[in-house]
C-alpha atoms as a PDB file:
ATOM      1  CA  MET A   1       0.000   0.000   0.000  1.00  0.00           C
ATOM      2  CA  ALA A   2       2.920   2.339   0.673  1.00  0.00           C
ATOM      3  CA  LEU A   3       4.022   1.690  -2.918  1.00  0.00           C
ATOM      4  CA  LEU A   4       0.608   2.646  -4.319  1.00  0.00           C
ATOM      5  CA  GLY A   5       0.547   5.711  -2.068  1.00  0.00           C
ATOM      6  CA  ALA A   6       3.819   6.872  -3.627  1.00  0.00           C
ATOM      7  CA  THR A   7       2.273   7.034  -7.130  1.00  0.00           C
ATOM      8  CA  ALA A   8       0.892  10.452  -6.226  1.00  0.00           C
ATOM      9  CA  LEU A   9       4.365  11.981  -6.143  1.00  0.00           C
ATOM     10  CA  PHE A  10       4.825  11.352  -9.870  1.00  0.00           C
ATOM     11  CA  SER A  11       2.077  13.864 -10.685  1.00  0.00           C
ATOM     12  CA  LYS A  12       4.605  16.495  -9.609  1.00  0.00           C
ATOM     13  CA  LEU A  13       7.935  14.758 -10.285  1.00  0.00           C
ATOM     14  CA  LEU A  14       7.264  14.009 -13.962  1.00  0.00           C
ATOM     15  CA  PRO A  15       7.080  17.066 -16.279  1.00  0.00           C
ATOM     16  CA  LEU A  16       4.218  15.562 -18.286  1.00  0.00           C
ATOM     17  CA  SER A  17       0.462  15.969 -18.532  1.00  0.00           C
ATOM     18  CA  ALA A  18      -1.851  13.604 -16.641  1.00  0.00           C
ATOM     19  CA  VAL A  19      -2.713  11.856 -19.935  1.00  0.00           C
ATOM     20  CA  ASP A  20       0.944  11.311 -20.880  1.00  0.00           C
ATOM     21  CA  ILE A  21       1.853  10.039 -17.396  1.00  0.00           C
ATOM     22  CA  THR A  22      -1.055   7.577 -17.480  1.00  0.00           C
ATOM     23  CA  PHE A  23      -0.205   6.457 -21.019  1.00  0.00           C
ATOM     24  CA  GLY A  24       3.462   5.831 -20.155  1.00  0.00           C
ATOM     25  CA  ARG A  25       2.540   4.132 -16.881  1.00  0.00           C
ATOM     26  CA  ALA A  26       0.076   1.836 -18.651  1.00  0.00           C
ATOM     27  CA  ILE A  27       2.580   0.704 -21.310  1.00  0.00           C
ATOM     28  CA  VAL A  28       5.173  -0.346 -18.742  1.00  0.00           C
ATOM     29  CA  ALA A  29       2.638  -1.868 -16.325  1.00  0.00           C
ATOM     30  CA  CYS A  30       0.870  -3.806 -19.090  1.00  0.00           C
ATOM     31  CA  VAL A  31       4.040  -5.562 -20.259  1.00  0.00           C
ATOM     32  CA  MET A  32       5.077  -6.322 -16.680  1.00  0.00           C
ATOM     33  CA  LEU A  33       1.655  -7.595 -15.562  1.00  0.00           C
ATOM     34  CA  PHE A  34       1.266  -9.977 -18.505  1.00  0.00           C
ATOM     35  CA  ALA A  35       4.803 -11.223 -17.776  1.00  0.00           C
ATOM     36  CA  ILE A  36       3.874 -11.798 -14.116  1.00  0.00           C
ATOM     37  CA  VAL A  37       0.719 -13.730 -15.084  1.00  0.00           C
ATOM     38  CA  LYS A  38       2.728 -15.913 -17.495  1.00  0.00           C
ATOM     39  CA  LEU A  39       5.579 -16.385 -14.997  1.00  0.00           C
ATOM     40  CA  PHE A  40       3.222 -17.785 -12.371  1.00  0.00           C
ATOM     41  CA  GLY A  41       1.609 -20.164 -14.826  1.00  0.00           C
ATOM     42  CA  GLY A  42      -1.656 -18.337 -15.320  1.00  0.00           C
ATOM     43  CA  ALA A  43      -3.664 -18.406 -18.535  1.00  0.00           C
ATOM     44  CA  ILE A  44      -3.414 -15.220 -20.570  1.00  0.00           C
ATOM     45  CA  ARG A  45      -6.779 -15.602 -22.278  1.00  0.00           C
ATOM     46  CA  LEU A  46     -10.068 -14.680 -20.661  1.00  0.00           C
ATOM     47  CA  ASN A  47     -12.900 -17.171 -20.364  1.00  0.00           C
ATOM     48  CA  SER A  48     -15.465 -15.634 -22.713  1.00  0.00           C
ATOM     49  CA  VAL A  49     -16.288 -12.845 -25.148  1.00  0.00           C
ATOM     50  CA  LYS A  50     -18.397 -11.272 -22.397  1.00  0.00           C
ATOM     51  CA  ASP A  51     -15.322 -11.081 -20.155  1.00  0.00           C
ATOM     52  CA  TYR A  52     -13.364  -9.292 -22.894  1.00  0.00           C
ATOM     53  CA  LEU A  53     -16.158  -6.707 -23.152  1.00  0.00           C
ATOM     54  CA  ILE A  54     -16.165  -6.272 -19.372  1.00  0.00           C
ATOM     55  CA  ALA A  55     -12.371  -5.880 -19.409  1.00  0.00           C
ATOM     56  CA  LEU A  56     -12.754  -3.195 -22.089  1.00  0.00           C
ATOM     57  CA  PHE A  57     -15.309  -1.308 -19.985  1.00  0.00           C
ATOM     58  CA  LEU A  58     -13.217  -1.612 -16.805  1.00  0.00           C
ATOM     59  CA  GLY A  59     -10.134  -0.441 -18.688  1.00  0.00           C
ATOM     60  CA  LEU A  60     -11.917   2.678 -19.971  1.00  0.00           C
ATOM     61  CA  LEU A  61     -13.094   3.457 -16.429  1.00  0.00           C
ATOM     62  CA  MET A  62      -9.544   3.006 -15.123  1.00  0.00           C
ATOM     63  CA  ALA A  63      -8.140   5.207 -17.883  1.00  0.00           C
ATOM     64  CA  ALA A  64     -10.485   8.038 -16.874  1.00  0.00           C
ATOM     65  CA  HIS A  65      -9.761   7.387 -13.181  1.00  0.00           C
ATOM     66  CA  TRP A  66      -5.961   7.434 -13.541  1.00  0.00           C
ATOM     67  CA  VAL A  67      -5.973  10.566 -15.720  1.00  0.00           C
ATOM     68  CA  SER A  68      -8.262  12.445 -13.328  1.00  0.00           C
ATOM     69  CA  TYR A  69      -6.228  11.156 -10.347  1.00  0.00           C
ATOM     70  CA  PHE A  70      -3.013  12.733 -11.646  1.00  0.00           C
ATOM     71  CA  ALA A  71      -4.846  15.831 -12.929  1.00  0.00           C
ATOM     72  CA  ALA A  72      -6.389  16.485  -9.503  1.00  0.00           C
ATOM     73  CA  MET A  73      -2.933  16.663  -7.921  1.00  0.00           C
ATOM     74  CA  GLN A  74      -1.465  18.729 -10.743  1.00  0.00           C
ATOM     75  CA  TYR A  75      -4.227  21.312 -10.340  1.00  0.00           C
ATOM     76  CA  SER A  76      -3.916  21.437  -6.541  1.00  0.00           C
ATOM     77  CA  SER A  77      -1.462  19.378  -4.462  1.00  0.00           C
ATOM     78  CA  VAL A  78      -0.716  15.754  -3.645  1.00  0.00           C
ATOM     79  CA  SER A  79      -2.353  16.149  -0.230  1.00  0.00           C
ATOM     80  CA  VAL A  80      -5.589  17.626  -1.585  1.00  0.00           C
ATOM     81  CA  GLY A  81      -5.776  15.208  -4.537  1.00  0.00           C
ATOM     82  CA  MET A  82      -5.274  12.085  -2.418  1.00  0.00           C
ATOM     83  CA  ILE A  83      -7.788  13.151   0.213  1.00  0.00           C
ATOM     84  CA  ALA A  84     -10.387  13.931  -2.474  1.00  0.00           C
ATOM     85  CA  LEU A  85      -9.776  10.522  -4.059  1.00  0.00           C
ATOM     86  CA  PHE A  86     -10.299   8.720  -0.769  1.00  0.00           C
ATOM     87  CA  THR A  87     -13.897   9.793  -0.649  1.00  0.00           C
ATOM     88  CA  PHE A  88     -14.346   6.648  -2.778  1.00  0.00           C
ATOM     89  CA  PRO A  89     -15.307   4.240   0.064  1.00  0.00           C
ATOM     90  CA  VAL A  90     -18.277   6.484   0.887  1.00  0.00           C
ATOM     91  CA  MET A  91     -19.012   6.953  -2.834  1.00  0.00           C
ATOM     92  CA  THR A  92     -19.057   3.160  -3.132  1.00  0.00           C
ATOM     93  CA  VAL A  93     -21.637   2.893  -0.346  1.00  0.00           C
ATOM     94  CA  LEU A  94     -23.833   5.485  -2.067  1.00  0.00           C
ATOM     95  CA  LEU A  95     -23.569   3.660  -5.429  1.00  0.00           C
ATOM     96  CA  GLU A  96     -23.982   0.116  -4.058  1.00  0.00           C
ATOM     97  CA  PRO A  97     -27.805   0.154  -3.968  1.00  0.00           C
ATOM     98  CA  PHE A  98     -27.789   0.387  -7.775  1.00  0.00           C
ATOM     99  CA  PHE A  99     -25.655  -2.796  -7.983  1.00  0.00           C
ATOM    100  CA  GLU A 100     -26.566  -4.943  -4.989  1.00  0.00           C
ATOM    101  CA  GLY A 101     -30.199  -4.034  -4.342  1.00  0.00           C
ATOM    102  CA  ILE A 102     -29.471  -2.955  -0.765  1.00  0.00           C
ATOM    103  CA  ARG A 103     -30.787   0.052   1.112  1.00  0.00           C
ATOM    104  CA  LEU A 104     -28.833   2.900   2.598  1.00  0.00           C
ATOM    105  CA  VAL A 105     -28.924   3.177   6.394  1.00  0.00           C
ATOM    106  CA  TRP A 106     -28.717   6.360   8.435  1.00  0.00           C
ATOM    107  CA  GLN A 107     -25.049   5.701   9.316  1.00  0.00           C
ATOM    108  CA  ASP A 108     -24.163   5.882   5.606  1.00  0.00           C
ATOM    109  CA  ILE A 109     -25.877   9.264   5.324  1.00  0.00           C
ATOM    110  CA  VAL A 110     -23.915  10.486   8.344  1.00  0.00           C
ATOM    111  CA  SER A 111     -20.655   9.255   6.743  1.00  0.00           C
ATOM    112  CA  ALA A 112     -21.512  11.121   3.540  1.00  0.00           C
ATOM    113  CA  LEU A 113     -22.185  14.316   5.531  1.00  0.00           C
ATOM    114  CA  VAL A 114     -18.864  13.920   7.394  1.00  0.00           C
ATOM    115  CA  VAL A 115     -17.052  13.565   4.059  1.00  0.00           C
ATOM    116  CA  LEU A 116     -18.913  16.574   2.674  1.00  0.00           C
ATOM    117  CA  PHE A 117     -17.836  18.671   5.684  1.00  0.00           C
ATOM    118  CA  GLY A 118     -14.264  17.410   5.338  1.00  0.00           C
ATOM    119  CA  ILE A 119     -14.203  18.463   1.687  1.00  0.00           C
ATOM    120  CA  TYR A 120     -15.725  21.830   2.648  1.00  0.00           C
ATOM    121  CA  LEU A 121     -12.781  22.438   4.984  1.00  0.00           C
ATOM    122  CA  ILE A 122     -10.265  21.595   2.252  1.00  0.00           C
ATOM    123  CA  VAL A 123     -11.783  23.961  -0.329  1.00  0.00           C
ATOM    124  CA  PRO A 124     -10.484  27.503   0.334  1.00  0.00           C
ATOM    125  CA  GLU A 125     -13.317  29.174  -1.597  1.00  0.00           C
ATOM    126  CA  ILE A 126     -16.341  28.013  -3.561  1.00  0.00           C
ATOM    127  CA  SER A 127     -15.058  29.168  -6.928  1.00  0.00           C
ATOM    128  CA  LEU A 128     -14.131  27.318 -10.087  1.00  0.00           C
ATOM    129  CA  ASP A 129     -11.383  29.889 -10.623  1.00  0.00           C
ATOM    130  CA  ASN A 130      -9.531  28.488  -7.611  1.00  0.00           C
ATOM    131  CA  GLU A 131      -7.058  25.712  -8.525  1.00  0.00           C
ATOM    132  CA  ILE A 132      -7.498  23.861  -5.224  1.00  0.00           C
ATOM    133  CA  THR A 133     -11.266  23.810  -5.756  1.00  0.00           C
ATOM    134  CA  GLN A 134     -10.692  22.479  -9.278  1.00  0.00           C
ATOM    135  CA  GLY A 135      -8.355  19.813  -7.901  1.00  0.00           C
ATOM    136  CA  VAL A 136     -10.912  18.736  -5.292  1.00  0.00           C
ATOM    137  CA  LEU A 137     -13.708  18.462  -7.882  1.00  0.00           C
ATOM    138  CA  ILE A 138     -11.516  16.458 -10.270  1.00  0.00           C
ATOM    139  CA  GLY A 139     -10.415  14.255  -7.346  1.00  0.00           C
ATOM    140  CA  ILE A 140     -14.043  13.567  -6.398  1.00  0.00           C
ATOM    141  CA  ALA A 141     -14.837  12.731 -10.043  1.00  0.00           C
ATOM    142  CA  SER A 142     -11.886  10.312  -9.957  1.00  0.00           C
ATOM    143  CA  ALA A 143     -13.289   8.762  -6.762  1.00  0.00           C
ATOM    144  CA  ILE A 144     -16.690   8.219  -8.415  1.00  0.00           C
ATOM    145  CA  LEU A 145     -15.024   6.564 -11.431  1.00  0.00           C
ATOM    146  CA  TYR A 146     -12.930   4.337  -9.142  1.00  0.00           C
ATOM    147  CA  SER A 147     -15.964   3.357  -7.059  1.00  0.00           C
ATOM    148  CA  PHE A 148     -17.948   2.509 -10.188  1.00  0.00           C
ATOM    149  CA  ARG A 149     -15.038   0.468 -11.558  1.00  0.00           C
ATOM    150  CA  ASN A 150     -14.654  -1.441  -8.273  1.00  0.00           C
ATOM    151  CA  LEU A 151     -18.358  -2.277  -8.101  1.00  0.00           C
ATOM    152  CA  VAL A 152     -18.430  -3.533 -11.704  1.00  0.00           C
ATOM    153  CA  HIS A 153     -15.221  -5.494 -11.092  1.00  0.00           C
ATOM    154  CA  ARG A 154     -16.570  -7.125  -7.931  1.00  0.00           C
ATOM    155  CA  LYS A 155     -19.832  -8.119  -9.605  1.00  0.00           C
ATOM    156  CA  HIS A 156     -18.532  -9.276 -12.991  1.00  0.00           C
ATOM    157  CA  PHE A 157     -14.745  -9.750 -12.975  1.00  0.00           C
ATOM    158  CA  SER A 158     -13.656 -10.908  -9.520  1.00  0.00           C
ATOM    159  CA  HIS A 159     -13.021 -14.480 -10.720  1.00  0.00           C
ATOM    160  CA  TYR A 160      -9.696 -13.279 -12.176  1.00  0.00           C
ATOM    161  CA  SER A 161      -6.603 -12.513 -10.095  1.00  0.00           C
ATOM    162  CA  GLY A 162      -5.671  -8.892  -9.477  1.00  0.00           C
ATOM    163  CA  ALA A 163      -2.622  -9.132 -11.758  1.00  0.00           C
ATOM    164  CA  HIS A 164      -4.593 -10.808 -14.571  1.00  0.00           C
ATOM    165  CA  ALA A 165      -7.441  -8.288 -14.368  1.00  0.00           C
ATOM    166  CA  MET A 166      -5.098  -5.299 -14.248  1.00  0.00           C
ATOM    167  CA  ALA A 167      -3.056  -6.648 -17.176  1.00  0.00           C
ATOM    168  CA  TYR A 168      -6.074  -6.355 -19.459  1.00  0.00           C
ATOM    169  CA  GLN A 169      -7.165  -3.030 -17.986  1.00  0.00           C
ATOM    170  CA  THR A 170      -3.718  -1.488 -18.526  1.00  0.00           C
ATOM    171  CA  LEU A 171      -3.805  -2.833 -22.092  1.00  0.00           C
ATOM    172  CA  VAL A 172      -7.081  -0.980 -22.683  1.00  0.00           C
ATOM    173  CA  ILE A 173      -5.658   2.163 -21.042  1.00  0.00           C
ATOM    174  CA  PHE A 174      -2.579   2.038 -23.263  1.00  0.00           C
ATOM    175  CA  ILE A 175      -4.598   1.560 -26.467  1.00  0.00           C
ATOM    176  CA  SER A 176      -7.316   4.130 -25.651  1.00  0.00           C
ATOM    177  CA  LEU A 177      -4.891   6.864 -24.552  1.00  0.00           C
ATOM    178  CA  SER A 178      -2.640   6.363 -27.577  1.00  0.00           C
ATOM    179  CA  PHE A 179      -5.138   8.621 -29.390  1.00  0.00           C
ATOM    180  CA  PHE A 180      -4.736  11.414 -26.836  1.00  0.00           C
ATOM    181  CA  SER A 181      -1.057  11.355 -25.805  1.00  0.00           C
ATOM    182  CA  SER A 182       1.080  14.312 -26.883  1.00  0.00           C
ATOM    183  CA  ASP A 183       4.457  14.623 -28.549  1.00  0.00           C
ATOM    184  CA  GLU A 184       5.906  15.775 -25.223  1.00  0.00           C
ATOM    185  CA  LEU A 185       6.052  12.168 -24.078  1.00  0.00           C
ATOM    186  CA  PHE A 186       8.323  11.221 -26.979  1.00  0.00           C
ATOM    187  CA  LYS A 187      10.557  14.253 -26.414  1.00  0.00           C
ATOM    188  CA  ALA A 188      10.962  13.579 -22.684  1.00  0.00           C
ATOM    189  CA  SER A 189      14.334  13.298 -20.946  1.00  0.00           C
ATOM    190  CA  GLN A 190      15.988  10.066 -19.884  1.00  0.00           C
ATOM    191  CA  GLU A 191      15.142  10.873 -16.245  1.00  0.00           C
ATOM    192  CA  THR A 192      11.470  11.134 -17.164  1.00  0.00           C
ATOM    193  CA  TYR A 193      11.524   7.740 -18.890  1.00  0.00           C
ATOM    194  CA  ILE A 194      13.227   6.202 -15.847  1.00  0.00           C
ATOM    195  CA  GLY A 195      10.478   7.727 -13.709  1.00  0.00           C
ATOM    196  CA  LEU A 196       7.790   6.157 -15.902  1.00  0.00           C
ATOM    197  CA  VAL A 197       9.505   2.760 -15.685  1.00  0.00           C
ATOM    198  CA  VAL A 198       9.660   3.013 -11.880  1.00  0.00           C
ATOM    199  CA  LEU A 199       6.007   4.105 -11.782  1.00  0.00           C
ATOM    200  CA  GLY A 200       4.876   1.356 -14.156  1.00  0.00           C
ATOM    201  CA  ILE A 201       6.838  -1.532 -12.624  1.00  0.00           C
ATOM    202  CA  PHE A 202       7.427  -0.872  -8.932  1.00  0.00           C
ATOM    203  CA  LEU A 203       4.416   1.335  -8.157  1.00  0.00           C
ATOM    204  CA  THR A 204       1.805  -0.306 -10.416  1.00  0.00           C
ATOM    205  CA  ALA A 205       2.549  -3.848 -11.647  1.00  0.00           C
ATOM    206  CA  VAL A 206       4.376  -5.144  -8.560  1.00  0.00           C
ATOM    207  CA  PRO A 207       1.867  -3.746  -6.004  1.00  0.00           C
ATOM    208  CA  HIS A 208      -1.092  -5.213  -7.874  1.00  0.00           C
ATOM    209  CA  ALA A 209       0.633  -8.596  -8.086  1.00  0.00           C
ATOM    210  CA  LEU A 210       1.403  -8.416  -4.349  1.00  0.00           C
ATOM    211  CA  ILE A 211      -2.192  -7.439  -3.611  1.00  0.00           C
ATOM    212  CA  ALA A 212      -3.432 -10.493  -5.518  1.00  0.00           C
ATOM    213  CA  ALA A 213      -1.045 -12.705  -3.541  1.00  0.00           C
ATOM    214  CA  SER A 214      -1.772 -11.086  -0.159  1.00  0.00           C
ATOM    215  CA  LEU A 215      -5.527 -11.609  -0.462  1.00  0.00           C
ATOM    216  CA  LYS A 216      -4.852 -15.357  -0.202  1.00  0.00           C
ATOM    217  CA  HIS A 217      -3.395 -14.820   3.280  1.00  0.00           C
ATOM    218  CA  LEU A 218      -5.039 -11.646   4.635  1.00  0.00           C
ATOM    219  CA  ARG A 219      -8.677 -11.149   5.509  1.00  0.00           C
ATOM    220  CA  ALA A 220     -10.381  -8.719   3.136  1.00  0.00           C
ATOM    221  CA  LYS A 221     -11.198  -6.476   6.101  1.00  0.00           C
ATOM    222  CA  THR A 222      -7.532  -6.259   7.107  1.00  0.00           C
ATOM    223  CA  PHE A 223      -6.459  -5.460   3.581  1.00  0.00           C
ATOM    224  CA  SER A 224      -9.150  -2.787   3.156  1.00  0.00           C
ATOM    225  CA  LEU A 225      -8.135  -1.057   6.368  1.00  0.00           C
ATOM    226  CA  ILE A 226      -4.493  -1.036   5.245  1.00  0.00           C
ATOM    227  CA  ALA A 227      -5.629   0.449   1.921  1.00  0.00           C
ATOM    228  CA  CYS A 228      -7.267   3.342   3.778  1.00  0.00           C
ATOM    229  CA  MET A 229      -3.800   4.346   5.007  1.00  0.00           C
ATOM    230  CA  GLN A 230      -2.693   5.294   1.478  1.00  0.00           C
ATOM    231  CA  PRO A 231      -3.430   9.006   1.940  1.00  0.00           C
ATOM    232  CA  LEU A 232      -1.285   9.004   5.087  1.00  0.00           C
ATOM    233  CA  TYR A 233       1.646   7.555   3.121  1.00  0.00           C
ATOM    234  CA  GLY A 234       1.053   9.862   0.164  1.00  0.00           C
ATOM    235  CA  VAL A 235       0.735  13.056   2.216  1.00  0.00           C
ATOM    236  CA  SER A 236       3.763  12.147   4.354  1.00  0.00           C
ATOM    237  CA  LEU A 237       5.876  11.510   1.248  1.00  0.00           C
ATOM    238  CA  ALA A 238       4.660  14.779  -0.320  1.00  0.00           C
ATOM    239  CA  ILE A 239       5.813  16.668   2.780  1.00  0.00           C
ATOM    240  CA  LEU A 240       9.197  14.911   2.827  1.00  0.00           C
ATOM    241  CA  VAL A 241       9.957  14.735  -0.902  1.00  0.00           C
ATOM    242  CA  LEU A 242       8.073  17.689  -2.402  1.00  0.00           C
ATOM    243  CA  ASP A 243       8.204  19.956   0.646  1.00  0.00           C
ATOM    244  CA  GLU A 244       4.430  20.438   0.555  1.00  0.00           C
ATOM    245  CA  GLN A 245       2.957  22.291   3.517  1.00  0.00           C
ATOM    246  CA  PRO A 246      -0.734  21.333   3.863  1.00  0.00           C
ATOM    247  CA  ARG A 247      -2.997  23.899   5.540  1.00  0.00           C
ATOM    248  CA  TRP A 248      -4.477  22.910   8.889  1.00  0.00           C
ATOM    249  CA  GLN A 249      -7.907  22.868   7.223  1.00  0.00           C
ATOM    250  CA  THR A 250      -6.599  20.275   4.748  1.00  0.00           C
ATOM    251  CA  ILE A 251      -5.280  18.097   7.572  1.00  0.00           C
ATOM    252  CA  VAL A 252      -8.519  18.284   9.594  1.00  0.00           C
ATOM    253  CA  GLY A 253     -10.658  17.756   6.491  1.00  0.00           C
ATOM    254  CA  GLY A 254      -8.450  14.832   5.498  1.00  0.00           C
ATOM    255  CA  LEU A 255      -8.840  13.216   8.924  1.00  0.00           C
ATOM    256  CA  LEU A 256     -12.629  13.474   8.610  1.00  0.00           C
ATOM    257  CA  VAL A 257     -12.614  11.942   5.111  1.00  0.00           C
ATOM    258  CA  ILE A 258     -10.278   9.095   6.103  1.00  0.00           C
ATOM    259  CA  SER A 259     -12.237   8.420   9.309  1.00  0.00           C
ATOM    260  CA  ALA A 260     -15.430   8.059   7.264  1.00  0.00           C
ATOM    261  CA  ALA A 261     -13.586   5.816   4.786  1.00  0.00           C
ATOM    262  CA  ILE A 262     -12.336   3.562   7.593  1.00  0.00           C
ATOM    263  CA  TYR A 263     -15.804   3.394   9.160  1.00  0.00           C
ATOM    264  CA  GLU A 264     -17.479   2.452   5.881  1.00  0.00           C
ATOM    265  CA  THR A 265     -14.770  -0.142   5.165  1.00  0.00           C
ATOM    266  CA  ILE A 266     -15.310  -1.832   8.545  1.00  0.00           C
ATOM    267  CA  ASN A 267     -19.092  -1.636   8.204  1.00  0.00           C
ATOM    268  CA  ALA A 268     -19.038  -3.076   4.671  1.00  0.00           C
ATOM    269  CA  GLN A 269     -16.965  -6.057   5.805  1.00  0.00           C
ATOM    270  CA  LYS A 270     -19.391  -6.716   8.682  1.00  0.00           C
ATOM    271  CA  LEU A 271     -22.316  -6.777   6.267  1.00  0.00           C
ATOM    272  CA  HIS A 272     -20.533  -9.064   3.769  1.00  0.00           C
ATOM    273  CA  SER A 273     -19.555 -11.494   6.544  1.00  0.00           C
ATOM    274  CA  LYS A 274     -23.167 -11.985   7.619  1.00  0.00           C
END
C-alpha cells in the first residue's frame, strides 16, 4: 500500500500531462503484468467474449480514473488530490444500492455528511477559478469513477486474479490513450523515462501482483483497512519529498474523510460477513 501511495508523487515529479503520465505508466505496467501472469503459470486468455467486453469497460473506467487522479494533484497538491480521491469508500456505499439491491442506512448518510464537511474544509473558496477547488472536484470525479469500476469489477470480474485483471485493464488504457497522448512524451528526458519505468513496474505492476497474492493470506477487512492508510503515506511523502505544507484545514478535512472511509470499510466487511 505504501508503494501505491507513492504514485501520487509522480504527478509532480514528472514534467508531463496527466494523460501522458497515465499512457506511459500503462505501457510499462501492461508488459510487466502480462509477464507476471505468465511467470506464475496463469492463462493469458479470458474465459469468454463477455469477459473481454467487461475488461474493455473496466479499462476505460480506469483510464479516466488514472488521468483524473493525476490531474487532480497537478491542479492542486498531492495532499488535496489524495484526500479527495479517498472519498471513494463512501461513494461506493452510495452507489452500491444500484448494484446490490441494498438500502442505505442512516449511518451511511452520516458518513456522507462527514465527508462533505471534510471536503468543505479543504476547499479555500467556492469558486471554479480556484485551482485547489478544481483539484478537489476532479479528485471527487476520480473517486466516483474508481468506485464505479470497483463495483463492476466485484460483480462481474472478480473471478480473475488482481494481476490478470489489471493486465487487461492497462492494455485498454494504453490503447485508448494512444489517441490522446502528446508529442511531449516522446521528447521527454531520460530521467522522465526512468520515472515512468519506476512508476509502471514498482508502483503499479508489482503492487497489484502483491495485492493479488496477499488476499490469499489476509482477511479482506484487514487489507481494506491497510488500503485506507494510502493518503497518510502519500501526504507524508509529499511533505518529505516535495516539501508540501498542507494547511491545517486540509489536515482536519483529510482526517474526517479518512475516518469516514475507515468506518465504511469496517461496516461493509461486517455486512458481507453476515
